Amino acid sequence: MSSASAAIPQPGRTKAFLRLVMIEHSVFALPFAYIAALTAMFLTDGNVQWGRLLLVTVAMVGLRTFAMAANRIIDREIDARNPRTAHRELVTGAMSVKHAWTGALVAVVFFLGAAALLNPLCLALAPIAVIPMVVYPYGKRFTNFPQAILGLAQAMGPIGGWLAITGEWSWDAVILGLAVGVWIGGFDLIYACQDVKTDREIGVMSVPARFGIPAAIWGARGCHAVTTALFVWFALATDAGAFFWLGLLIVAGAFLYEHSIVRPHDLTRVNRAFFQVNGFIGIALFVCALLDLLVRGLTV
């Protein structure tokens, strides 16, 4: 560890681990698992099942925490060679690999435990959900399209949220899952544009590194157009009401804003697009979906 790294104050292990996995970014995935779960509750008996909703939360946070920890562990050598990521905890020494793996294993135990408490189908499918979480960080080593793997991993959230309530497969949940996967894959295309120069130097594969920043930006725009269409399909499939459609208008406006501030020749506002706009999209659509379900008769 360099003298500069040694000078960085070392936080407690738990705090360092939470920083490592960026626990606050659960906001991107949780709202859509809630939308799926609450919609399933509305369509079954019309009542909010708080115990199951808690287990969905534990499962989602546990799986996402495992995925982020595994990502950071597997990518630590790549992170060390990228100036943008060289401050991460496994690079600076704020967190050891051993402790990171310990945190990751604890997280996956919580995930599997929550799945077991939900229903047999969730437990049976839980190990399958773990696979893309581990494959994704390796994706940039063998394909120019690692964002597709990320999208597949993220699509599982809403599908799992629905399964947690009904214990049965639902194509409506698949539509919502695909919307979320394409959405997140799309904004990861934008985020990856920051690392084009470094990725090309060290051999990391991605759409921006292979095809250029303009192609990646246009790809993200296409992804978000498809996302909007899939949200509309989900609304039609579940007979959504006025508040959900209002949420879709807000989401469409947010997408337009996001793509107005990120351009191929100007990436200075990528972080605003990535963290603020996308966080807003998830929360806004969840609030509108919840209001819609309550107005339509969901009992709290």
Protein backbone atom coordinates (compact mmCIF):
# COMPACT_ATOMS: atom_id res chain seq x y z
CA MET A 1 0.00 0.00 0.00
CA SER A 2 1.39 3.42 -0.97
CA SER A 3 2.15 6.15 1.56
CA ALA A 4 -0.72 8.16 0.09
CA SER A 5 -3.10 5.27 0.67
CA ALA A 6 -1.76 4.74 4.17
CA ALA A 7 -2.54 8.36 4.98
CA ILE A 8 -6.22 7.82 4.22
CA PRO A 9 -8.19 7.38 7.47
CA GLN A 10 -9.28 3.76 7.73
CA PRO A 11 -12.97 3.42 8.69
CA GLY A 12 -14.39 0.55 10.70
CA ARG A 13 -14.87 -2.69 8.81
CA THR A 14 -18.65 -2.42 8.65
CA LYS A 15 -18.57 1.17 7.48
CA ALA A 16 -15.89 0.36 4.92
CA PHE A 17 -17.92 -2.59 3.62
CA LEU A 18 -21.07 -0.47 3.28
CA ARG A 19 -19.04 2.07 1.35
CA LEU A 20 -17.54 -0.70 -0.76
CA VAL A 21 -20.96 -1.96 -1.87
CA MET A 22 -22.50 1.54 -2.06
CA ILE A 23 -25.48 0.36 -0.03
CA GLU A 24 -27.42 3.57 -0.75
CA HIS A 25 -27.66 2.58 -4.42
CA SER A 26 -30.22 -0.08 -3.51
CA VAL A 27 -32.64 2.72 -4.42
CA PHE A 28 -32.16 1.79 -8.09
CA ALA A 29 -33.51 -1.74 -7.75
CA LEU A 30 -35.76 -1.85 -4.68
CA PRO A 31 -38.61 0.34 -6.01
CA PHE A 32 -39.25 -2.01 -8.92
CA ALA A 33 -39.24 -5.11 -6.73
CA TYR A 34 -41.80 -3.29 -4.56
CA ILE A 35 -43.91 -2.37 -7.60
CA ALA A 36 -43.97 -6.02 -8.66
CA ALA A 37 -44.68 -7.33 -5.16
CA LEU A 38 -47.43 -4.80 -4.42
CA THR A 39 -49.06 -5.33 -7.80
CA ALA A 40 -49.06 -9.08 -7.17
CA MET A 41 -50.64 -8.47 -3.74
CA PHE A 42 -53.31 -6.27 -5.31
CA LEU A 43 -54.14 -8.86 -7.95
CA THR A 44 -54.31 -11.75 -5.45
CA ASP A 45 -56.12 -10.74 -2.27
CA GLY A 46 -55.87 -6.94 -2.36
CA ASN A 47 -53.96 -6.63 0.92
CA VAL A 48 -50.41 -5.53 1.69
CA GLN A 49 -48.54 -8.46 3.24
CA TRP A 50 -46.00 -6.65 5.38
CA GLY A 51 -44.06 -9.73 6.41
CA ARG A 52 -43.50 -10.79 2.83
CA LEU A 53 -42.61 -7.23 1.85
CA LEU A 54 -39.95 -7.23 4.56
CA LEU A 55 -38.55 -10.52 3.27
CA VAL A 56 -38.48 -9.10 -0.27
CA THR A 57 -36.45 -6.17 1.07
CA VAL A 58 -34.00 -8.47 2.86
CA ALA A 59 -33.63 -10.66 -0.24
CA MET A 60 -33.10 -7.72 -2.60
CA VAL A 61 -30.59 -5.90 -0.40
CA GLY A 62 -28.79 -9.16 0.38
CA LEU A 63 -28.43 -10.17 -3.27
CA ARG A 64 -27.41 -6.69 -4.42
CA THR A 65 -24.87 -6.42 -1.59
CA PHE A 66 -23.36 -9.77 -2.56
CA ALA A 67 -23.24 -8.72 -6.22
CA MET A 68 -21.50 -5.42 -5.49
CA ALA A 69 -19.00 -7.03 -3.14
CA ALA A 70 -18.17 -9.77 -5.65
CA ASN A 71 -17.84 -7.14 -8.36
CA ARG A 72 -15.38 -5.08 -6.32
CA ILE A 73 -13.36 -8.16 -5.31
CA ILE A 74 -13.09 -9.56 -8.83
CA ASP A 75 -12.33 -6.15 -10.36
CA ARG A 76 -9.89 -4.90 -7.74
CA GLU A 77 -6.83 -5.13 -10.01
CA ILE A 78 -8.65 -3.34 -12.83
CA ASP A 79 -9.85 -0.69 -10.36
CA ALA A 80 -6.27 -0.10 -9.22
CA ARG A 81 -5.25 0.76 -12.79
CA ASN A 82 -8.11 3.21 -13.37
CA PRO A 83 -7.67 6.70 -11.84
CA ARG A 84 -11.46 7.04 -11.42
CA THR A 85 -11.71 3.87 -9.30
CA ALA A 86 -8.29 3.83 -7.61
CA HIS A 87 -9.83 5.22 -4.40
CA ARG A 88 -12.04 2.18 -3.84
CA GLU A 89 -11.65 0.41 -0.52
CA LEU A 90 -10.00 -2.77 -1.80
CA VAL A 91 -7.44 -0.68 -3.67
CA THR A 92 -6.55 1.69 -0.84
CA GLY A 93 -6.51 -1.04 1.81
CA ALA A 94 -9.48 0.34 3.75
CA MET A 95 -11.02 -3.13 3.33
CA SER A 96 -9.19 -6.45 2.97
CA VAL A 97 -10.25 -9.07 0.43
CA LYS A 98 -10.90 -11.50 3.27
CA HIS A 99 -13.29 -9.15 5.02
CA ALA A 100 -14.98 -8.26 1.74
CA TRP A 101 -15.63 -11.94 1.04
CA THR A 102 -16.94 -12.36 4.59
CA GLY A 103 -19.42 -9.53 4.03
CA ALA A 104 -20.40 -10.98 0.66
CA LEU A 105 -21.07 -14.42 2.13
CA VAL A 106 -23.12 -12.96 4.98
CA ALA A 107 -25.18 -11.04 2.41
CA VAL A 108 -25.85 -14.13 0.27
CA VAL A 109 -26.86 -16.10 3.38
CA PHE A 110 -29.45 -13.40 4.17
CA PHE A 111 -30.66 -13.61 0.57
CA LEU A 112 -31.01 -17.38 0.62
CA GLY A 113 -32.61 -17.30 4.05
CA ALA A 114 -35.23 -14.77 2.93
CA ALA A 115 -35.92 -16.83 -0.21
CA ALA A 116 -36.41 -19.94 1.92
CA LEU A 117 -38.90 -18.14 4.14
CA LEU A 118 -40.89 -16.84 1.16
CA ASN A 119 -41.79 -20.03 -0.72
CA PRO A 120 -40.23 -23.18 -2.24
CA LEU A 121 -40.04 -21.72 -5.76
CA CYS A 122 -38.07 -18.67 -4.55
CA LEU A 123 -35.62 -20.95 -2.75
CA ALA A 124 -35.25 -23.21 -5.80
CA LEU A 125 -34.55 -20.28 -8.12
CA ALA A 126 -32.36 -18.33 -5.68
CA PRO A 127 -29.06 -20.01 -6.66
CA ILE A 128 -29.80 -19.24 -10.32
CA ALA A 129 -30.20 -15.56 -9.44
CA VAL A 130 -26.69 -15.53 -7.96
CA ILE A 131 -25.01 -16.70 -11.19
CA PRO A 132 -25.21 -13.48 -13.30
CA MET A 133 -24.08 -11.47 -10.28
CA VAL A 134 -20.75 -13.30 -10.40
CA VAL A 135 -20.54 -13.55 -14.19
CA TYR A 136 -21.05 -9.82 -14.76
CA PRO A 137 -17.66 -8.58 -13.50
CA TYR A 138 -15.96 -11.20 -15.67
CA GLY A 139 -18.06 -10.10 -18.64
CA LYS A 140 -15.82 -7.17 -19.48
CA ARG A 141 -13.01 -9.69 -19.98
CA PHE A 142 -14.71 -11.74 -22.71
CA THR A 143 -17.45 -9.64 -24.35
CA ASN A 144 -17.97 -6.11 -25.61
CA PHE A 145 -21.47 -6.20 -24.14
CA PRO A 146 -21.10 -6.64 -20.35
CA GLN A 147 -24.06 -4.27 -19.90
CA ALA A 148 -26.30 -7.02 -21.29
CA ILE A 149 -25.22 -9.30 -18.46
CA LEU A 150 -25.84 -6.51 -15.96
CA GLY A 151 -29.30 -5.99 -17.42
CA LEU A 152 -30.09 -9.69 -17.05
CA ALA A 153 -29.00 -9.59 -13.42
CA GLN A 154 -31.12 -6.53 -12.68
CA ALA A 155 -34.17 -7.96 -14.46
CA MET A 156 -34.42 -10.59 -11.75
CA GLY A 157 -35.49 -8.09 -9.08
CA PRO A 158 -39.10 -7.48 -10.21
CA ILE A 159 -39.52 -11.11 -11.26
CA GLY A 160 -38.36 -12.22 -7.82
CA GLY A 161 -40.62 -9.68 -6.13
CA TRP A 162 -43.65 -11.13 -7.90
CA LEU A 163 -42.64 -14.74 -7.24
CA ALA A 164 -42.19 -13.89 -3.56
CA ILE A 165 -45.89 -13.06 -3.28
CA THR A 166 -47.57 -15.57 -5.58
CA GLY A 167 -45.10 -18.45 -5.75
CA GLU A 168 -46.00 -18.67 -9.44
CA TRP A 169 -44.35 -17.53 -12.67
CA SER A 170 -45.79 -14.35 -14.21
CA TRP A 171 -45.13 -12.93 -17.66
CA ASP A 172 -46.32 -9.54 -16.40
CA ALA A 173 -43.40 -9.60 -13.98
CA VAL A 174 -41.08 -10.56 -16.83
CA ILE A 175 -42.17 -7.47 -18.76
CA LEU A 176 -41.36 -5.27 -15.76
CA GLY A 177 -38.10 -7.12 -15.20
CA LEU A 178 -37.04 -6.60 -18.81
CA ALA A 179 -37.89 -2.90 -18.52
CA VAL A 180 -35.65 -2.56 -15.49
CA GLY A 181 -32.85 -4.61 -17.05
CA VAL A 182 -32.83 -2.60 -20.28
CA TRP A 183 -33.04 0.65 -18.29
CA ILE A 184 -30.07 -0.16 -16.08
CA GLY A 185 -28.07 -1.61 -18.96
CA GLY A 186 -28.73 1.61 -20.85
CA PHE A 187 -27.51 3.98 -18.18
CA ASP A 188 -24.48 1.76 -17.56
CA LEU A 189 -23.59 2.36 -21.22
CA ILE A 190 -23.46 6.06 -20.37
CA TYR A 191 -21.48 5.48 -17.19
CA ALA A 192 -18.90 3.34 -19.00
CA CYS A 193 -18.13 6.23 -21.37
CA GLN A 194 -16.02 7.80 -18.61
CA ASP A 195 -13.49 4.98 -18.81
CA VAL A 196 -12.98 4.62 -22.56
CA LYS A 197 -9.35 5.74 -22.61
CA THR A 198 -8.33 3.61 -19.62
CA ASP A 199 -10.35 0.60 -20.77
CA ARG A 200 -8.63 0.61 -24.15
CA GLU A 201 -5.22 0.92 -22.52
CA ILE A 202 -5.69 -2.00 -20.12
CA GLY A 203 -7.84 -4.21 -22.34
CA VAL A 204 -11.21 -3.89 -20.61
CA MET A 205 -14.06 -4.61 -23.04
CA SER A 206 -17.22 -2.52 -23.33
CA VAL A 207 -19.48 -0.94 -25.92
CA PRO A 208 -17.86 2.53 -25.57
CA ALA A 209 -14.34 1.09 -25.71
CA ARG A 210 -15.13 -1.02 -28.79
CA PHE A 211 -17.53 1.16 -30.75
CA GLY A 212 -16.89 4.65 -29.36
CA ILE A 213 -18.73 7.08 -27.12
CA PRO A 214 -21.27 8.31 -29.72
CA ALA A 215 -22.38 4.73 -30.40
CA ALA A 216 -22.74 4.06 -26.66
CA ILE A 217 -24.81 7.22 -26.13
CA TRP A 218 -27.11 6.31 -29.00
CA GLY A 219 -27.32 2.78 -27.65
CA ALA A 220 -28.40 4.16 -24.27
CA ARG A 221 -31.05 6.31 -25.94
CA GLY A 222 -32.36 3.24 -27.74
CA CYS A 223 -32.38 1.25 -24.49
CA HIS A 224 -34.39 3.92 -22.72
CA ALA A 225 -36.89 4.14 -25.58
CA VAL A 226 -37.38 0.36 -25.27
CA THR A 227 -37.64 0.73 -21.49
CA THR A 228 -40.45 3.25 -21.87
CA ALA A 229 -42.28 0.93 -24.27
CA LEU A 230 -41.93 -1.98 -21.83
CA PHE A 231 -43.28 0.15 -18.96
CA VAL A 232 -46.29 0.99 -21.15
CA TRP A 233 -46.74 -2.73 -21.91
CA PHE A 234 -46.64 -3.54 -18.19
CA ALA A 235 -49.23 -0.83 -17.49
CA LEU A 236 -51.55 -2.26 -20.13
CA ALA A 237 -51.01 -5.84 -18.98
CA THR A 238 -51.90 -5.02 -15.37
CA ASP A 239 -54.72 -2.56 -16.15
CA ALA A 240 -52.86 0.27 -14.42
CA GLY A 241 -54.73 3.42 -13.52
CA ALA A 242 -54.17 7.15 -13.95
CA PHE A 243 -51.47 7.56 -11.32
CA PHE A 244 -49.27 4.89 -12.90
CA TRP A 245 -49.63 6.53 -16.29
CA LEU A 246 -48.68 9.83 -14.67
CA GLY A 247 -45.57 8.10 -13.36
CA LEU A 248 -44.71 6.96 -16.87
CA LEU A 249 -44.97 10.54 -18.12
CA ILE A 250 -42.57 11.60 -15.36
CA VAL A 251 -40.18 8.79 -16.27
CA ALA A 252 -40.28 9.73 -19.96
CA GLY A 253 -39.52 13.35 -19.02
CA ALA A 254 -36.63 12.23 -16.84
CA PHE A 255 -35.19 10.18 -19.70
CA LEU A 256 -35.39 13.19 -22.01
CA TYR A 257 -33.64 15.34 -19.42
CA GLU A 258 -30.97 12.70 -18.82
CA HIS A 259 -30.12 12.50 -22.50
CA SER A 260 -30.16 16.28 -22.87
CA ILE A 261 -27.37 16.70 -20.32
CA VAL A 262 -25.16 13.83 -21.51
CA ARG A 263 -23.74 14.15 -25.00
CA PRO A 264 -20.85 12.40 -26.78
CA HIS A 265 -18.69 15.52 -26.58
CA ASP A 266 -19.74 16.47 -23.04
CA LEU A 267 -19.60 13.89 -20.23
CA THR A 268 -19.21 16.41 -17.40
CA ARG A 269 -22.68 15.68 -16.06
CA VAL A 270 -22.59 11.89 -16.22
CA ASN A 271 -22.70 11.59 -12.43
CA ARG A 272 -25.82 13.76 -12.26
CA ALA A 273 -27.48 11.57 -14.88
CA PHE A 274 -26.34 8.34 -13.24
CA PHE A 275 -26.94 9.01 -9.57
CA GLN A 276 -29.58 11.73 -9.39
CA VAL A 277 -31.79 11.22 -12.43
CA ASN A 278 -31.88 7.43 -12.28
CA GLY A 279 -32.48 7.45 -8.54
CA PHE A 280 -35.35 9.88 -9.13
CA ILE A 281 -36.85 7.62 -11.83
CA GLY A 282 -37.09 4.64 -9.51
CA ILE A 283 -38.59 6.58 -6.60
CA ALA A 284 -41.01 8.59 -8.76
CA LEU A 285 -42.44 5.55 -10.51
CA PHE A 286 -42.74 3.64 -7.24
CA VAL A 287 -44.64 6.50 -5.57
CA CYS A 288 -47.01 6.80 -8.53
CA ALA A 289 -47.50 3.02 -8.71
CA LEU A 290 -48.26 2.86 -4.98
CA LEU A 291 -50.77 5.71 -5.21
CA ASP A 292 -52.38 4.00 -8.17
CA LEU A 293 -52.74 0.69 -6.32
CA LEU A 294 -54.13 2.42 -3.21
CA VAL A 295 -56.70 4.33 -5.26
CA ARG A 296 -57.69 1.10 -7.00
CA GLY A 297 -58.30 -0.61 -3.65
CA LEU A 298 -55.08 -2.01 -2.24
CA THR A 299 -55.55 -2.29 1.52
CA VAL A 300 -52.60 -1.32 3.71
